């Protein structure tokens, strides 16, 4: 069973993602704040991270950069955002997959197959 850490301030979205991932056979841990997400990295040792980045809110981008500069840099990150321009924000700090919200479950499944 693969471990997935999901970091997003939208609690309803977190719960929907957990429901889908657990039905798909994955263990998921949720973080509703960016500081909580970083704290959980060591405890969870995830195989994959879903991280929401919002324009105008530097928290997600700062966390992305912090992860990429830490001992957790090798963990794949899938950035999720309603903002189509999000990749321009995080790519200077390292590459990541990107899913624009809302996304189809088929895209989520393809992403999981690639990174897990």
C-alpha atoms as a PDB file:
ATOM      1  CA  UNK A   1       0.000   0.000   0.000  1.00  0.00           C
ATOM      2  CA  UNK A   2       1.462   3.356  -1.070  1.00  0.00           C
ATOM      3  CA  UNK A   3       1.327   6.368   1.265  1.00  0.00           C
ATOM      4  CA  UNK A   4       0.089   9.678  -0.101  1.00  0.00           C
ATOM      5  CA  UNK A   5       0.191  13.041   1.689  1.00  0.00           C
ATOM      6  CA  UNK A   6      -2.436  15.541   0.542  1.00  0.00           C
ATOM      7  CA  UNK A   7      -1.964  19.195   1.510  1.00  0.00           C
ATOM      8  CA  UNK A   8      -4.820  21.571   0.750  1.00  0.00           C
ATOM      9  CA  UNK A   9      -6.804  24.168   2.697  1.00  0.00           C
ATOM     10  CA  UNK A  10     -10.103  22.956   1.170  1.00  0.00           C
ATOM     11  CA  UNK A  11     -11.296  20.349   3.666  1.00  0.00           C
ATOM     12  CA  UNK A  12     -14.097  19.083   1.414  1.00  0.00           C
ATOM     13  CA  UNK A  13     -11.580  18.441  -1.372  1.00  0.00           C
ATOM     14  CA  UNK A  14      -9.244  16.694   1.082  1.00  0.00           C
ATOM     15  CA  UNK A  15     -12.014  14.339   2.170  1.00  0.00           C
ATOM     16  CA  UNK A  16     -13.046  13.596  -1.420  1.00  0.00           C
ATOM     17  CA  UNK A  17      -9.452  12.825  -2.377  1.00  0.00           C
ATOM     18  CA  UNK A  18      -8.989  10.557   0.647  1.00  0.00           C
ATOM     19  CA  UNK A  19     -12.170   8.660  -0.179  1.00  0.00           C
ATOM     20  CA  UNK A  20     -11.090   8.074  -3.772  1.00  0.00           C
ATOM     21  CA  UNK A  21      -7.493   7.156  -2.920  1.00  0.00           C
ATOM     22  CA  UNK A  22      -8.453   4.742  -0.162  1.00  0.00           C
ATOM     23  CA  UNK A  23     -10.996   3.010  -2.435  1.00  0.00           C
ATOM     24  CA  UNK A  24      -8.118   2.679  -4.905  1.00  0.00           C
ATOM     25  CA  UNK A  25      -5.994   0.903  -2.284  1.00  0.00           C
ATOM     26  CA  UNK A  26      -3.764   3.765  -1.131  1.00  0.00           C
ATOM     27  CA  UNK A  27      -3.158   5.090   2.365  1.00  0.00           C
ATOM     28  CA  UNK A  28      -3.713   8.842   2.589  1.00  0.00           C
ATOM     29  CA  UNK A  29      -2.836  11.436   5.202  1.00  0.00           C
ATOM     30  CA  UNK A  30      -4.462  14.862   5.118  1.00  0.00           C
ATOM     31  CA  UNK A  31      -3.078  18.269   6.050  1.00  0.00           C
ATOM     32  CA  UNK A  32      -5.300  21.352   5.967  1.00  0.00           C
ATOM     33  CA  UNK A  33      -2.422  23.796   6.501  1.00  0.00           C
ATOM     34  CA  UNK A  34       1.005  24.116   4.934  1.00  0.00           C
ATOM     35  CA  UNK A  35       2.927  23.958   8.258  1.00  0.00           C
ATOM     36  CA  UNK A  36       1.000  20.809   9.217  1.00  0.00           C
ATOM     37  CA  UNK A  37       1.869  19.303   5.830  1.00  0.00           C
ATOM     38  CA  UNK A  38       5.582  19.822   6.344  1.00  0.00           C
ATOM     39  CA  UNK A  39       5.429  18.408   9.881  1.00  0.00           C
ATOM     40  CA  UNK A  40       3.712  15.269   8.591  1.00  0.00           C
ATOM     41  CA  UNK A  41       6.415  14.556   5.998  1.00  0.00           C
ATOM     42  CA  UNK A  42       8.752  12.927   8.480  1.00  0.00           C
ATOM     43  CA  UNK A  43       6.034  11.003  10.294  1.00  0.00           C
ATOM     44  CA  UNK A  44       4.312   9.729   7.148  1.00  0.00           C
ATOM     45  CA  UNK A  45       7.295   9.232   4.812  1.00  0.00           C
ATOM     46  CA  UNK A  46       4.918   9.467   1.819  1.00  0.00           C
ATOM     47  CA  UNK A  47       5.528   7.934  -1.582  1.00  0.00           C
ATOM     48  CA  UNK A  48       3.726  10.866  -3.233  1.00  0.00           C
ATOM     49  CA  UNK A  49       2.592  14.381  -2.253  1.00  0.00           C
ATOM     50  CA  UNK A  50      -0.397  16.293  -3.591  1.00  0.00           C
ATOM     51  CA  UNK A  51       0.111  20.004  -2.873  1.00  0.00           C
ATOM     52  CA  UNK A  52      -2.311  22.813  -3.642  1.00  0.00           C
ATOM     53  CA  UNK A  53      -0.783  26.102  -4.793  1.00  0.00           C
ATOM     54  CA  UNK A  54      -2.976  29.195  -4.832  1.00  0.00           C
ATOM     55  CA  UNK A  55      -2.071  32.497  -6.479  1.00  0.00           C
ATOM     56  CA  UNK A  56      -1.945  35.297  -3.942  1.00  0.00           C
ATOM     57  CA  UNK A  57      -1.228  32.848  -1.104  1.00  0.00           C
ATOM     58  CA  UNK A  58       2.527  32.250  -0.826  1.00  0.00           C
ATOM     59  CA  UNK A  59       2.139  29.329   1.607  1.00  0.00           C
ATOM     60  CA  UNK A  60       1.910  26.566  -0.996  1.00  0.00           C
ATOM     61  CA  UNK A  61       4.794  27.890  -3.051  1.00  0.00           C
ATOM     62  CA  UNK A  62       6.951  28.349   0.052  1.00  0.00           C
ATOM     63  CA  UNK A  63       6.191  24.784   1.138  1.00  0.00           C
ATOM     64  CA  UNK A  64       7.014  23.475  -2.344  1.00  0.00           C
ATOM     65  CA  UNK A  65      10.381  25.207  -2.217  1.00  0.00           C
ATOM     66  CA  UNK A  66      11.028  24.022   1.358  1.00  0.00           C
ATOM     67  CA  UNK A  67      10.330  20.391   0.369  1.00  0.00           C
ATOM     68  CA  UNK A  68      12.592  20.657  -2.688  1.00  0.00           C
ATOM     69  CA  UNK A  69      15.428  21.995  -0.498  1.00  0.00           C
ATOM     70  CA  UNK A  70      15.012  19.331   2.218  1.00  0.00           C
ATOM     71  CA  UNK A  71      15.805  15.672   2.690  1.00  0.00           C
ATOM     72  CA  UNK A  72      12.360  14.994   1.179  1.00  0.00           C
ATOM     73  CA  UNK A  73      13.330  16.440  -2.220  1.00  0.00           C
ATOM     74  CA  UNK A  74      13.161  13.043  -3.938  1.00  0.00           C
ATOM     75  CA  UNK A  75       9.471  12.520  -3.132  1.00  0.00           C
ATOM     76  CA  UNK A  76       7.367  13.204  -6.241  1.00  0.00           C
ATOM     77  CA  UNK A  77       4.984  16.147  -5.935  1.00  0.00           C
ATOM     78  CA  UNK A  78       1.770  16.634  -7.860  1.00  0.00           C
ATOM     79  CA  UNK A  79       0.758  20.281  -7.718  1.00  0.00           C
ATOM     80  CA  UNK A  80      -2.983  20.923  -7.855  1.00  0.00           C
ATOM     81  CA  UNK A  81      -4.499  24.346  -8.460  1.00  0.00           C
ATOM     82  CA  UNK A  82      -7.462  26.156  -9.964  1.00  0.00           C
ATOM     83  CA  UNK A  83      -4.880  28.520 -11.463  1.00  0.00           C
ATOM     84  CA  UNK A  84      -3.675  27.333 -14.888  1.00  0.00           C
ATOM     85  CA  UNK A  85      -0.504  29.421 -14.541  1.00  0.00           C
ATOM     86  CA  UNK A  86       0.644  27.625 -11.375  1.00  0.00           C
ATOM     87  CA  UNK A  87       3.511  25.775 -13.112  1.00  0.00           C
ATOM     88  CA  UNK A  88       5.234  29.102 -13.813  1.00  0.00           C
ATOM     89  CA  UNK A  89       5.261  29.753 -10.071  1.00  0.00           C
ATOM     90  CA  UNK A  90       6.883  26.518  -8.879  1.00  0.00           C
ATOM     91  CA  UNK A  91       9.040  25.341 -11.795  1.00  0.00           C
ATOM     92  CA  UNK A  92      12.019  27.542 -10.861  1.00  0.00           C
ATOM     93  CA  UNK A  93      12.316  25.368  -7.709  1.00  0.00           C
ATOM     94  CA  UNK A  94      12.060  21.973  -9.405  1.00  0.00           C
ATOM     95  CA  UNK A  95       9.797  19.989 -11.634  1.00  0.00           C
ATOM     96  CA  UNK A  96       6.470  18.488 -10.611  1.00  0.00           C
ATOM     97  CA  UNK A  97       3.359  17.079 -12.209  1.00  0.00           C
ATOM     98  CA  UNK A  98       0.427  19.472 -12.451  1.00  0.00           C
ATOM     99  CA  UNK A  99      -3.309  18.807 -12.265  1.00  0.00           C
ATOM    100  CA  UNK A 100      -5.586  21.776 -12.877  1.00  0.00           C
ATOM    101  CA  UNK A 101      -8.672  21.662 -10.680  1.00  0.00           C
ATOM    102  CA  UNK A 102     -11.221  20.408 -11.287  1.00  0.00           C
ATOM    103  CA  UNK A 103      -9.668  17.361 -12.924  1.00  0.00           C
ATOM    104  CA  UNK A 104     -11.173  14.133 -14.144  1.00  0.00           C
ATOM    105  CA  UNK A 105     -10.610  10.959 -12.168  1.00  0.00           C
ATOM    106  CA  UNK A 106      -9.054   9.404 -15.260  1.00  0.00           C
ATOM    107  CA  UNK A 107      -6.272  12.045 -15.136  1.00  0.00           C
ATOM    108  CA  UNK A 108      -5.777  11.360 -11.443  1.00  0.00           C
ATOM    109  CA  UNK A 109      -5.504   7.616 -12.119  1.00  0.00           C
ATOM    110  CA  UNK A 110      -2.938   8.193 -14.895  1.00  0.00           C
ATOM    111  CA  UNK A 111      -0.901  10.403 -12.565  1.00  0.00           C
ATOM    112  CA  UNK A 112      -0.984   7.789  -9.814  1.00  0.00           C
ATOM    113  CA  UNK A 113       0.209   5.083 -12.220  1.00  0.00           C
ATOM    114  CA  UNK A 114       3.127   7.264 -13.314  1.00  0.00           C
ATOM    115  CA  UNK A 115       4.355   8.185  -9.820  1.00  0.00           C
ATOM    116  CA  UNK A 116       3.521   5.113  -7.709  1.00  0.00           C
END
